[in-house]
Amino acid sequence: LVNYLEKEQVVEDLQLANELADFTI
């Protein structure tokens, strides 16, 4: 339900974001 600052999940999300996008916010 809520996105938390949990390192494992955040790192996984950022890896995907870097694959999909040119710039990450």
mmCIF file of all heavy atoms, coordinates in Angstrom:
data_MODEL
# 
_entry.id   MODEL 
# 
loop_
_atom_site.group_PDB 
_atom_site.id 
_atom_site.type_symbol 
_atom_site.label_atom_id 
_atom_site.label_alt_id 
_atom_site.label_comp_id 
_atom_site.label_asym_id 
_atom_site.label_entity_id 
_atom_site.label_seq_id 
_atom_site.pdbx_PDB_ins_code 
_atom_site.Cartn_x 
_atom_site.Cartn_y 
_atom_site.Cartn_z 
_atom_site.occupancy 
_atom_site.B_iso_or_equiv 
_atom_site.pdbx_formal_charge 
_atom_site.auth_seq_id 
_atom_site.auth_comp_id 
_atom_site.auth_asym_id 
_atom_site.auth_atom_id 
_atom_site.pdbx_PDB_model_num 
ATOM 1   N N   . LEU A 1 1  ? 0.806  -1.219 0.000   1.00 0.00 ? 1  LEU A N   1 
ATOM 2   C CA  . LEU A 1 1  ? 0.000  0.000  0.000   1.00 0.00 ? 1  LEU A CA  1 
ATOM 3   C C   . LEU A 1 1  ? 0.844  1.277  0.000   1.00 0.00 ? 1  LEU A C   1 
ATOM 4   O O   . LEU A 1 1  ? 0.506  2.255  -0.673  1.00 0.00 ? 1  LEU A O   1 
ATOM 5   C CB  . LEU A 1 1  ? -0.945 -0.001 1.200   1.00 0.00 ? 1  LEU A CB  1 
ATOM 6   C CG  . LEU A 1 1  ? -1.898 1.185  1.341   1.00 0.00 ? 1  LEU A CG  1 
ATOM 7   C CD1 . LEU A 1 1  ? -2.752 1.378  0.097   1.00 0.00 ? 1  LEU A CD1 1 
ATOM 8   C CD2 . LEU A 1 1  ? -2.793 1.006  2.575   1.00 0.00 ? 1  LEU A CD2 1 
ATOM 9   N N   . VAL A 1 2  ? 1.956  1.291  0.749   1.00 0.00 ? 2  VAL A N   1 
ATOM 10  C CA  . VAL A 1 2  ? 2.787  2.499  0.874   1.00 0.00 ? 2  VAL A CA  1 
ATOM 11  C C   . VAL A 1 2  ? 4.224  2.173  0.472   1.00 0.00 ? 2  VAL A C   1 
ATOM 12  O O   . VAL A 1 2  ? 4.750  1.111  0.799   1.00 0.00 ? 2  VAL A O   1 
ATOM 13  C CB  . VAL A 1 2  ? 2.775  3.031  2.321   1.00 0.00 ? 2  VAL A CB  1 
ATOM 14  C CG1 . VAL A 1 2  ? 3.651  4.283  2.448   1.00 0.00 ? 2  VAL A CG1 1 
ATOM 15  C CG2 . VAL A 1 2  ? 1.346  3.349  2.769   1.00 0.00 ? 2  VAL A CG2 1 
ATOM 16  N N   . ASN A 1 3  ? 4.866  3.102  -0.224  1.00 0.00 ? 3  ASN A N   1 
ATOM 17  C CA  . ASN A 1 3  ? 6.285  2.958  -0.587  1.00 0.00 ? 3  ASN A CA  1 
ATOM 18  C C   . ASN A 1 3  ? 7.158  3.463  0.557   1.00 0.00 ? 3  ASN A C   1 
ATOM 19  O O   . ASN A 1 3  ? 7.127  4.659  0.882   1.00 0.00 ? 3  ASN A O   1 
ATOM 20  C CB  . ASN A 1 3  ? 6.613  3.760  -1.848  1.00 0.00 ? 3  ASN A CB  1 
ATOM 21  C CG  . ASN A 1 3  ? 5.979  3.198  -3.094  1.00 0.00 ? 3  ASN A CG  1 
ATOM 22  O OD1 . ASN A 1 3  ? 5.442  2.093  -3.105  1.00 0.00 ? 3  ASN A OD1 1 
ATOM 23  N ND2 . ASN A 1 3  ? 6.018  3.979  -4.168  1.00 0.00 ? 3  ASN A ND2 1 
ATOM 24  N N   . TYR A 1 4  ? 7.930  2.551  1.145   1.00 0.00 ? 4  TYR A N   1 
ATOM 25  C CA  . TYR A 1 4  ? 8.803  2.913  2.259   1.00 0.00 ? 4  TYR A CA  1 
ATOM 26  C C   . TYR A 1 4  ? 10.264 2.993  1.811   1.00 0.00 ? 4  TYR A C   1 
ATOM 27  O O   . TYR A 1 4  ? 10.670 2.338  0.848   1.00 0.00 ? 4  TYR A O   1 
ATOM 28  C CB  . TYR A 1 4  ? 8.688  1.882  3.385   1.00 0.00 ? 4  TYR A CB  1 
ATOM 29  C CG  . TYR A 1 4  ? 7.351  1.859  4.076   1.00 0.00 ? 4  TYR A CG  1 
ATOM 30  C CD1 . TYR A 1 4  ? 6.407  0.872  3.779   1.00 0.00 ? 4  TYR A CD1 1 
ATOM 31  C CD2 . TYR A 1 4  ? 7.023  2.821  5.033   1.00 0.00 ? 4  TYR A CD2 1 
ATOM 32  C CE1 . TYR A 1 4  ? 5.179  0.840  4.416   1.00 0.00 ? 4  TYR A CE1 1 
ATOM 33  C CE2 . TYR A 1 4  ? 5.790  2.801  5.674   1.00 0.00 ? 4  TYR A CE2 1 
ATOM 34  C CZ  . TYR A 1 4  ? 4.866  1.810  5.354   1.00 0.00 ? 4  TYR A CZ  1 
ATOM 35  O OH  . TYR A 1 4  ? 3.642  1.781  5.979   1.00 0.00 ? 4  TYR A OH  1 
ATOM 36  N N   . LEU A 1 5  ? 11.043 3.761  2.567   1.00 0.00 ? 5  LEU A N   1 
ATOM 37  C CA  . LEU A 1 5  ? 12.480 3.824  2.345   1.00 0.00 ? 5  LEU A CA  1 
ATOM 38  C C   . LEU A 1 5  ? 13.133 2.569  2.935   1.00 0.00 ? 5  LEU A C   1 
ATOM 39  O O   . LEU A 1 5  ? 13.723 2.587  4.020   1.00 0.00 ? 5  LEU A O   1 
ATOM 40  C CB  . LEU A 1 5  ? 13.065 5.090  2.980   1.00 0.00 ? 5  LEU A CB  1 
ATOM 41  C CG  . LEU A 1 5  ? 12.881 6.395  2.197   1.00 0.00 ? 5  LEU A CG  1 
ATOM 42  C CD1 . LEU A 1 5  ? 13.239 7.599  3.059   1.00 0.00 ? 5  LEU A CD1 1 
ATOM 43  C CD2 . LEU A 1 5  ? 13.690 6.393  0.899   1.00 0.00 ? 5  LEU A CD2 1 
ATOM 44  N N   . GLU A 1 6  ? 13.007 1.481  2.201   1.00 0.00 ? 6  GLU A N   1 
ATOM 45  C CA  . GLU A 1 6  ? 13.633 0.218  2.557   1.00 0.00 ? 6  GLU A CA  1 
ATOM 46  C C   . GLU A 1 6  ? 14.711 -0.059 1.518   1.00 0.00 ? 6  GLU A C   1 
ATOM 47  O O   . GLU A 1 6  ? 14.423 -0.150 0.315   1.00 0.00 ? 6  GLU A O   1 
ATOM 48  C CB  . GLU A 1 6  ? 12.600 -0.900 2.591   1.00 0.00 ? 6  GLU A CB  1 
ATOM 49  C CG  . GLU A 1 6  ? 11.543 -0.679 3.668   1.00 0.00 ? 6  GLU A CG  1 
ATOM 50  C CD  . GLU A 1 6  ? 10.403 -1.690 3.614   1.00 0.00 ? 6  GLU A CD  1 
ATOM 51  O OE1 . GLU A 1 6  ? 10.269 -2.376 2.558   1.00 0.00 ? 6  GLU A OE1 1 
ATOM 52  O OE2 . GLU A 1 6  ? 9.648  -1.782 4.596   1.00 0.00 ? 6  GLU A OE2 1 
ATOM 53  N N   . LYS A 1 7  ? 15.950 -0.172 1.965   1.00 0.00 ? 7  LYS A N   1 
ATOM 54  C CA  . LYS A 1 7  ? 17.095 -0.159 1.057   1.00 0.00 ? 7  LYS A CA  1 
ATOM 55  C C   . LYS A 1 7  ? 16.981 -1.174 -0.073  1.00 0.00 ? 7  LYS A C   1 
ATOM 56  O O   . LYS A 1 7  ? 17.188 -0.833 -1.251  1.00 0.00 ? 7  LYS A O   1 
ATOM 57  C CB  . LYS A 1 7  ? 18.390 -0.376 1.828   1.00 0.00 ? 7  LYS A CB  1 
ATOM 58  C CG  . LYS A 1 7  ? 19.628 -0.273 0.929   1.00 0.00 ? 7  LYS A CG  1 
ATOM 59  C CD  . LYS A 1 7  ? 20.924 -0.402 1.714   1.00 0.00 ? 7  LYS A CD  1 
ATOM 60  C CE  . LYS A 1 7  ? 22.119 -0.333 0.766   1.00 0.00 ? 7  LYS A CE  1 
ATOM 61  N NZ  . LYS A 1 7  ? 23.408 -0.448 1.499   1.00 0.00 ? 7  LYS A NZ  1 
ATOM 62  N N   . GLU A 1 8  ? 16.676 -2.413 0.244   1.00 0.00 ? 8  GLU A N   1 
ATOM 63  C CA  . GLU A 1 8  ? 16.646 -3.443 -0.790  1.00 0.00 ? 8  GLU A CA  1 
ATOM 64  C C   . GLU A 1 8  ? 15.646 -3.099 -1.889  1.00 0.00 ? 8  GLU A C   1 
ATOM 65  O O   . GLU A 1 8  ? 15.953 -3.222 -3.086  1.00 0.00 ? 8  GLU A O   1 
ATOM 66  C CB  . GLU A 1 8  ? 16.308 -4.795 -0.164  1.00 0.00 ? 8  GLU A CB  1 
ATOM 67  C CG  . GLU A 1 8  ? 16.345 -5.950 -1.150  1.00 0.00 ? 8  GLU A CG  1 
ATOM 68  C CD  . GLU A 1 8  ? 16.069 -7.290 -0.491  1.00 0.00 ? 8  GLU A CD  1 
ATOM 69  O OE1 . GLU A 1 8  ? 16.056 -7.375 0.750   1.00 0.00 ? 8  GLU A OE1 1 
ATOM 70  O OE2 . GLU A 1 8  ? 15.845 -8.276 -1.244  1.00 0.00 ? 8  GLU A OE2 1 
ATOM 71  N N   . GLN A 1 9  ? 14.449 -2.667 -1.484  1.00 0.00 ? 9  GLN A N   1 
ATOM 72  C CA  . GLN A 1 9  ? 13.426 -2.325 -2.470  1.00 0.00 ? 9  GLN A CA  1 
ATOM 73  C C   . GLN A 1 9  ? 13.814 -1.084 -3.265  1.00 0.00 ? 9  GLN A C   1 
ATOM 74  O O   . GLN A 1 9  ? 13.636 -1.028 -4.491  1.00 0.00 ? 9  GLN A O   1 
ATOM 75  C CB  . GLN A 1 9  ? 12.083 -2.096 -1.767  1.00 0.00 ? 9  GLN A CB  1 
ATOM 76  C CG  . GLN A 1 9  ? 10.933 -1.786 -2.709  1.00 0.00 ? 9  GLN A CG  1 
ATOM 77  C CD  . GLN A 1 9  ? 10.633 -2.945 -3.648  1.00 0.00 ? 9  GLN A CD  1 
ATOM 78  O OE1 . GLN A 1 9  ? 10.367 -4.058 -3.194  1.00 0.00 ? 9  GLN A OE1 1 
ATOM 79  N NE2 . GLN A 1 9  ? 10.677 -2.693 -4.956  1.00 0.00 ? 9  GLN A NE2 1 
ATOM 80  N N   . VAL A 1 10 ? 14.355 -0.097 -2.574  1.00 0.00 ? 10 VAL A N   1 
ATOM 81  C CA  . VAL A 1 10 ? 14.733 1.151  -3.250  1.00 0.00 ? 10 VAL A CA  1 
ATOM 82  C C   . VAL A 1 10 ? 15.824 0.893  -4.284  1.00 0.00 ? 10 VAL A C   1 
ATOM 83  O O   . VAL A 1 10 ? 15.748 1.377  -5.429  1.00 0.00 ? 10 VAL A O   1 
ATOM 84  C CB  . VAL A 1 10 ? 15.193 2.205  -2.225  1.00 0.00 ? 10 VAL A CB  1 
ATOM 85  C CG1 . VAL A 1 10 ? 15.816 3.416  -2.934  1.00 0.00 ? 10 VAL A CG1 1 
ATOM 86  C CG2 . VAL A 1 10 ? 14.016 2.657  -1.358  1.00 0.00 ? 10 VAL A CG2 1 
ATOM 87  N N   . VAL A 1 11 ? 16.844 0.132  -3.923  1.00 0.00 ? 11 VAL A N   1 
ATOM 88  C CA  . VAL A 1 11 ? 17.939 -0.159 -4.861  1.00 0.00 ? 11 VAL A CA  1 
ATOM 89  C C   . VAL A 1 11 ? 17.413 -0.916 -6.078  1.00 0.00 ? 11 VAL A C   1 
ATOM 90  O O   . VAL A 1 11 ? 17.798 -0.630 -7.219  1.00 0.00 ? 11 VAL A O   1 
ATOM 91  C CB  . VAL A 1 11 ? 19.061 -0.949 -4.155  1.00 0.00 ? 11 VAL A CB  1 
ATOM 92  C CG1 . VAL A 1 11 ? 20.069 -1.465 -5.176  1.00 0.00 ? 11 VAL A CG1 1 
ATOM 93  C CG2 . VAL A 1 11 ? 19.748 -0.074 -3.111  1.00 0.00 ? 11 VAL A CG2 1 
ATOM 94  N N   . GLU A 1 12 ? 16.520 -1.866 -5.840  1.00 0.00 ? 12 GLU A N   1 
ATOM 95  C CA  . GLU A 1 12 ? 15.931 -2.618 -6.955  1.00 0.00 ? 12 GLU A CA  1 
ATOM 96  C C   . GLU A 1 12 ? 15.151 -1.688 -7.885  1.00 0.00 ? 12 GLU A C   1 
ATOM 97  O O   . GLU A 1 12 ? 15.248 -1.788 -9.116  1.00 0.00 ? 12 GLU A O   1 
ATOM 98  C CB  . GLU A 1 12 ? 15.024 -3.711 -6.405  1.00 0.00 ? 12 GLU A CB  1 
ATOM 99  C CG  . GLU A 1 12 ? 14.417 -4.613 -7.463  1.00 0.00 ? 12 GLU A CG  1 
ATOM 100 C CD  . GLU A 1 12 ? 13.529 -5.697 -6.864  1.00 0.00 ? 12 GLU A CD  1 
ATOM 101 O OE1 . GLU A 1 12 ? 13.845 -6.175 -5.758  1.00 0.00 ? 12 GLU A OE1 1 
ATOM 102 O OE2 . GLU A 1 12 ? 12.515 -6.045 -7.509  1.00 0.00 ? 12 GLU A OE2 1 
ATOM 103 N N   . ASP A 1 13 ? 14.377 -0.775 -7.283  1.00 0.00 ? 13 ASP A N   1 
ATOM 104 C CA  . ASP A 1 13 ? 13.606 0.186  -8.085  1.00 0.00 ? 13 ASP A CA  1 
ATOM 105 C C   . ASP A 1 13 ? 14.528 1.091  -8.898  1.00 0.00 ? 13 ASP A C   1 
ATOM 106 O O   . ASP A 1 13 ? 14.255 1.396  -10.079 1.00 0.00 ? 13 ASP A O   1 
ATOM 107 C CB  . ASP A 1 13 ? 12.731 1.047  -7.178  1.00 0.00 ? 13 ASP A CB  1 
ATOM 108 C CG  . ASP A 1 13 ? 11.586 0.282  -6.541  1.00 0.00 ? 13 ASP A CG  1 
ATOM 109 O OD1 . ASP A 1 13 ? 11.279 -0.837 -7.007  1.00 0.00 ? 13 ASP A OD1 1 
ATOM 110 O OD2 . ASP A 1 13 ? 11.005 0.807  -5.562  1.00 0.00 ? 13 ASP A OD2 1 
ATOM 111 N N   . LEU A 1 14 ? 15.618 1.530  -8.289  1.00 0.00 ? 14 LEU A N   1 
ATOM 112 C CA  . LEU A 1 14 ? 16.529 2.448  -8.976  1.00 0.00 ? 14 LEU A CA  1 
ATOM 113 C C   . LEU A 1 14 ? 17.240 1.765  -10.138 1.00 0.00 ? 14 LEU A C   1 
ATOM 114 O O   . LEU A 1 14 ? 17.485 2.393  -11.175 1.00 0.00 ? 14 LEU A O   1 
ATOM 115 C CB  . LEU A 1 14 ? 17.543 3.019  -7.984  1.00 0.00 ? 14 LEU A CB  1 
ATOM 116 C CG  . LEU A 1 14 ? 16.965 3.969  -6.926  1.00 0.00 ? 14 LEU A CG  1 
ATOM 117 C CD1 . LEU A 1 14 ? 18.049 4.417  -5.960  1.00 0.00 ? 14 LEU A CD1 1 
ATOM 118 C CD2 . LEU A 1 14 ? 16.287 5.170  -7.569  1.00 0.00 ? 14 LEU A CD2 1 
ATOM 119 N N   . GLN A 1 15 ? 17.558 0.509  -9.970  1.00 0.00 ? 15 GLN A N   1 
ATOM 120 C CA  . GLN A 1 15 ? 18.178 -0.224 -11.082 1.00 0.00 ? 15 GLN A CA  1 
ATOM 121 C C   . GLN A 1 15 ? 17.234 -0.292 -12.273 1.00 0.00 ? 15 GLN A C   1 
ATOM 122 O O   . GLN A 1 15 ? 17.648 -0.092 -13.423 1.00 0.00 ? 15 GLN A O   1 
ATOM 123 C CB  . GLN A 1 15 ? 18.567 -1.629 -10.605 1.00 0.00 ? 15 GLN A CB  1 
ATOM 124 C CG  . GLN A 1 15 ? 19.736 -1.652 -9.634  1.00 0.00 ? 15 GLN A CG  1 
ATOM 125 C CD  . GLN A 1 15 ? 20.008 -3.036 -9.060  1.00 0.00 ? 15 GLN A CD  1 
ATOM 126 O OE1 . GLN A 1 15 ? 19.190 -3.954 -9.200  1.00 0.00 ? 15 GLN A OE1 1 
ATOM 127 N NE2 . GLN A 1 15 ? 21.160 -3.198 -8.417  1.00 0.00 ? 15 GLN A NE2 1 
ATOM 128 N N   . LEU A 1 16 ? 15.961 -0.553 -12.003 1.00 0.00 ? 16 LEU A N   1 
ATOM 129 C CA  . LEU A 1 16 ? 14.973 -0.592 -13.078 1.00 0.00 ? 16 LEU A CA  1 
ATOM 130 C C   . LEU A 1 16 ? 14.777 0.800  -13.691 1.00 0.00 ? 16 LEU A C   1 
ATOM 131 O O   . LEU A 1 16 ? 14.683 0.944  -14.916 1.00 0.00 ? 16 LEU A O   1 
ATOM 132 C CB  . LEU A 1 16 ? 13.642 -1.133 -12.553 1.00 0.00 ? 16 LEU A CB  1 
ATOM 133 C CG  . LEU A 1 16 ? 12.491 -1.231 -13.565 1.00 0.00 ? 16 LEU A CG  1 
ATOM 134 C CD1 . LEU A 1 16 ? 12.888 -2.103 -14.756 1.00 0.00 ? 16 LEU A CD1 1 
ATOM 135 C CD2 . LEU A 1 16 ? 11.230 -1.773 -12.886 1.00 0.00 ? 16 LEU A CD2 1 
ATOM 136 N N   . ALA A 1 17 ? 14.747 1.796  -12.831 1.00 0.00 ? 17 ALA A N   1 
ATOM 137 C CA  . ALA A 1 17 ? 14.573 3.173  -13.328 1.00 0.00 ? 17 ALA A CA  1 
ATOM 138 C C   . ALA A 1 17 ? 15.712 3.559  -14.267 1.00 0.00 ? 17 ALA A C   1 
ATOM 139 O O   . ALA A 1 17 ? 15.492 4.191  -15.309 1.00 0.00 ? 17 ALA A O   1 
ATOM 140 C CB  . ALA A 1 17 ? 14.507 4.144  -12.150 1.00 0.00 ? 17 ALA A CB  1 
ATOM 141 N N   . ASN A 1 18 ? 16.922 3.175  -13.928 1.00 0.00 ? 18 ASN A N   1 
ATOM 142 C CA  . ASN A 1 18 ? 18.076 3.498  -14.777 1.00 0.00 ? 18 ASN A CA  1 
ATOM 143 C C   . ASN A 1 18 ? 18.008 2.795  -16.127 1.00 0.00 ? 18 ASN A C   1 
ATOM 144 O O   . ASN A 1 18 ? 18.515 3.319  -17.129 1.00 0.00 ? 18 ASN A O   1 
ATOM 145 C CB  . ASN A 1 18 ? 19.370 3.120  -14.054 1.00 0.00 ? 18 ASN A CB  1 
ATOM 146 C CG  . ASN A 1 18 ? 19.654 4.009  -12.855 1.00 0.00 ? 18 ASN A CG  1 
ATOM 147 O OD1 . ASN A 1 18 ? 19.216 5.162  -12.819 1.00 0.00 ? 18 ASN A OD1 1 
ATOM 148 N ND2 . ASN A 1 18 ? 20.374 3.483  -11.872 1.00 0.00 ? 18 ASN A ND2 1 
ATOM 149 N N   . GLU A 1 19 ? 17.377 1.638  -16.162 1.00 0.00 ? 19 GLU A N   1 
ATOM 150 C CA  . GLU A 1 19 ? 17.210 0.924  -17.428 1.00 0.00 ? 19 GLU A CA  1 
ATOM 151 C C   . GLU A 1 19 ? 16.146 1.578  -18.309 1.00 0.00 ? 19 GLU A C   1 
ATOM 152 O O   . GLU A 1 19 ? 16.267 1.602  -19.531 1.00 0.00 ? 19 GLU A O   1 
ATOM 153 C CB  . GLU A 1 19 ? 16.817 -0.533 -17.156 1.00 0.00 ? 19 GLU A CB  1 
ATOM 154 C CG  . GLU A 1 19 ? 17.908 -1.364 -16.483 1.00 0.00 ? 19 GLU A CG  1 
ATOM 155 C CD  . GLU A 1 19 ? 17.407 -2.758 -16.107 1.00 0.00 ? 19 GLU A CD  1 
ATOM 156 O OE1 . GLU A 1 19 ? 16.272 -3.109 -16.537 1.00 0.00 ? 19 GLU A OE1 1 
ATOM 157 O OE2 . GLU A 1 19 ? 18.124 -3.473 -15.393 1.00 0.00 ? 19 GLU A OE2 1 
ATOM 158 N N   . LEU A 1 20 ? 15.118 2.121  -17.662 1.00 0.00 ? 20 LEU A N   1 
ATOM 159 C CA  . LEU A 1 20 ? 13.969 2.648  -18.401 1.00 0.00 ? 20 LEU A CA  1 
ATOM 160 C C   . LEU A 1 20 ? 14.098 4.120  -18.779 1.00 0.00 ? 20 LEU A C   1 
ATOM 161 O O   . LEU A 1 20 ? 13.453 4.571  -19.731 1.00 0.00 ? 20 LEU A O   1 
ATOM 162 C CB  . LEU A 1 20 ? 12.696 2.452  -17.574 1.00 0.00 ? 20 LEU A CB  1 
ATOM 163 C CG  . LEU A 1 20 ? 12.298 1.014  -17.235 1.00 0.00 ? 20 LEU A CG  1 
ATOM 164 C CD1 . LEU A 1 20 ? 11.084 1.014  -16.309 1.00 0.00 ? 20 LEU A CD1 1 
ATOM 165 C CD2 . LEU A 1 20 ? 12.001 0.221  -18.501 1.00 0.00 ? 20 LEU A CD2 1 
ATOM 166 N N   . ALA A 1 21 ? 14.893 4.862  -18.025 1.00 0.00 ? 21 ALA A N   1 
ATOM 167 C CA  . ALA A 1 21 ? 14.896 6.319  -18.185 1.00 0.00 ? 21 ALA A CA  1 
ATOM 168 C C   . ALA A 1 21 ? 16.312 6.856  -18.375 1.00 0.00 ? 21 ALA A C   1 
ATOM 169 O O   . ALA A 1 21 ? 17.306 6.173  -18.137 1.00 0.00 ? 21 ALA A O   1 
ATOM 170 C CB  . ALA A 1 21 ? 14.245 6.968  -16.967 1.00 0.00 ? 21 ALA A CB  1 
ATOM 171 N N   . ASP A 1 22 ? 16.367 8.131  -18.806 1.00 0.00 ? 22 ASP A N   1 
ATOM 172 C CA  . ASP A 1 22 ? 17.636 8.833  -18.992 1.00 0.00 ? 22 ASP A CA  1 
ATOM 173 C C   . ASP A 1 22 ? 18.046 9.608  -17.745 1.00 0.00 ? 22 ASP A C   1 
ATOM 174 O O   . ASP A 1 22 ? 19.202 10.031 -17.624 1.00 0.00 ? 22 ASP A O   1 
ATOM 175 C CB  . ASP A 1 22 ? 17.518 9.835  -20.145 1.00 0.00 ? 22 ASP A CB  1 
ATOM 176 C CG  . ASP A 1 22 ? 17.040 9.187  -21.431 1.00 0.00 ? 22 ASP A CG  1 
ATOM 177 O OD1 . ASP A 1 22 ? 17.728 8.272  -21.908 1.00 0.00 ? 22 ASP A OD1 1 
ATOM 178 O OD2 . ASP A 1 22 ? 15.983 9.589  -21.944 1.00 0.00 ? 22 ASP A OD2 1 
ATOM 179 N N   . PHE A 1 23 ? 17.087 9.823  -16.842 1.00 0.00 ? 23 PHE A N   1 
ATOM 180 C CA  . PHE A 1 23 ? 17.309 10.718 -15.698 1.00 0.00 ? 23 PHE A CA  1 
ATOM 181 C C   . PHE A 1 23 ? 16.380 10.257 -14.588 1.00 0.00 ? 23 PHE A C   1 
ATOM 182 O O   . PHE A 1 23 ? 15.204 9.966  -14.832 1.00 0.00 ? 23 PHE A O   1 
ATOM 183 C CB  . PHE A 1 23 ? 16.979 12.154 -16.123 1.00 0.00 ? 23 PHE A CB  1 
ATOM 184 C CG  . PHE A 1 23 ? 17.345 13.221 -15.146 1.00 0.00 ? 23 PHE A CG  1 
ATOM 185 C CD1 . PHE A 1 23 ? 18.538 13.917 -15.273 1.00 0.00 ? 23 PHE A CD1 1 
ATOM 186 C CD2 . PHE A 1 23 ? 16.491 13.564 -14.106 1.00 0.00 ? 23 PHE A CD2 1 
ATOM 187 C CE1 . PHE A 1 23 ? 18.870 14.936 -14.384 1.00 0.00 ? 23 PHE A CE1 1 
ATOM 188 C CE2 . PHE A 1 23 ? 16.807 14.575 -13.210 1.00 0.00 ? 23 PHE A CE2 1 
ATOM 189 C CZ  . PHE A 1 23 ? 18.002 15.259 -13.348 1.00 0.00 ? 23 PHE A CZ  1 
ATOM 190 N N   . THR A 1 24 ? 16.886 10.200 -13.347 1.00 0.00 ? 24 THR A N   1 
ATOM 191 C CA  . THR A 1 24 ? 16.082 9.682  -12.231 1.00 0.00 ? 24 THR A CA  1 
ATOM 192 C C   . THR A 1 24 ? 15.917 10.726 -11.137 1.00 0.00 ? 24 THR A C   1 
ATOM 193 O O   . THR A 1 24 ? 16.900 11.316 -10.671 1.00 0.00 ? 24 THR A O   1 
ATOM 194 C CB  . THR A 1 24 ? 16.726 8.409  -11.647 1.00 0.00 ? 24 THR A CB  1 
ATOM 195 O OG1 . THR A 1 24 ? 16.793 7.411  -12.673 1.00 0.00 ? 24 THR A OG1 1 
ATOM 196 C CG2 . THR A 1 24 ? 15.905 7.872  -10.486 1.00 0.00 ? 24 THR A CG2 1 
ATOM 197 N N   . ILE A 1 25 ? 14.670 10.927 -10.730 1.00 0.00 ? 25 ILE A N   1 
ATOM 198 C CA  . ILE A 1 25 ? 14.316 11.844 -9.644  1.00 0.00 ? 25 ILE A CA  1 
ATOM 199 C C   . ILE A 1 25 ? 13.733 11.022 -8.495  1.00 0.00 ? 25 ILE A C   1 
ATOM 200 O O   . ILE A 1 25 ? 12.832 10.204 -8.714  1.00 0.00 ? 25 ILE A O   1 
ATOM 201 C CB  . ILE A 1 25 ? 13.280 12.877 -10.100 1.00 0.00 ? 25 ILE A CB  1 
ATOM 202 C CG1 . ILE A 1 25 ? 13.801 13.681 -11.294 1.00 0.00 ? 25 ILE A CG1 1 
ATOM 203 C CG2 . ILE A 1 25 ? 12.891 13.808 -8.951  1.00 0.00 ? 25 ILE A CG2 1 
ATOM 204 C CD1 . ILE A 1 25 ? 12.751 14.588 -11.935 1.00 0.00 ? 25 ILE A CD1 1 
# 
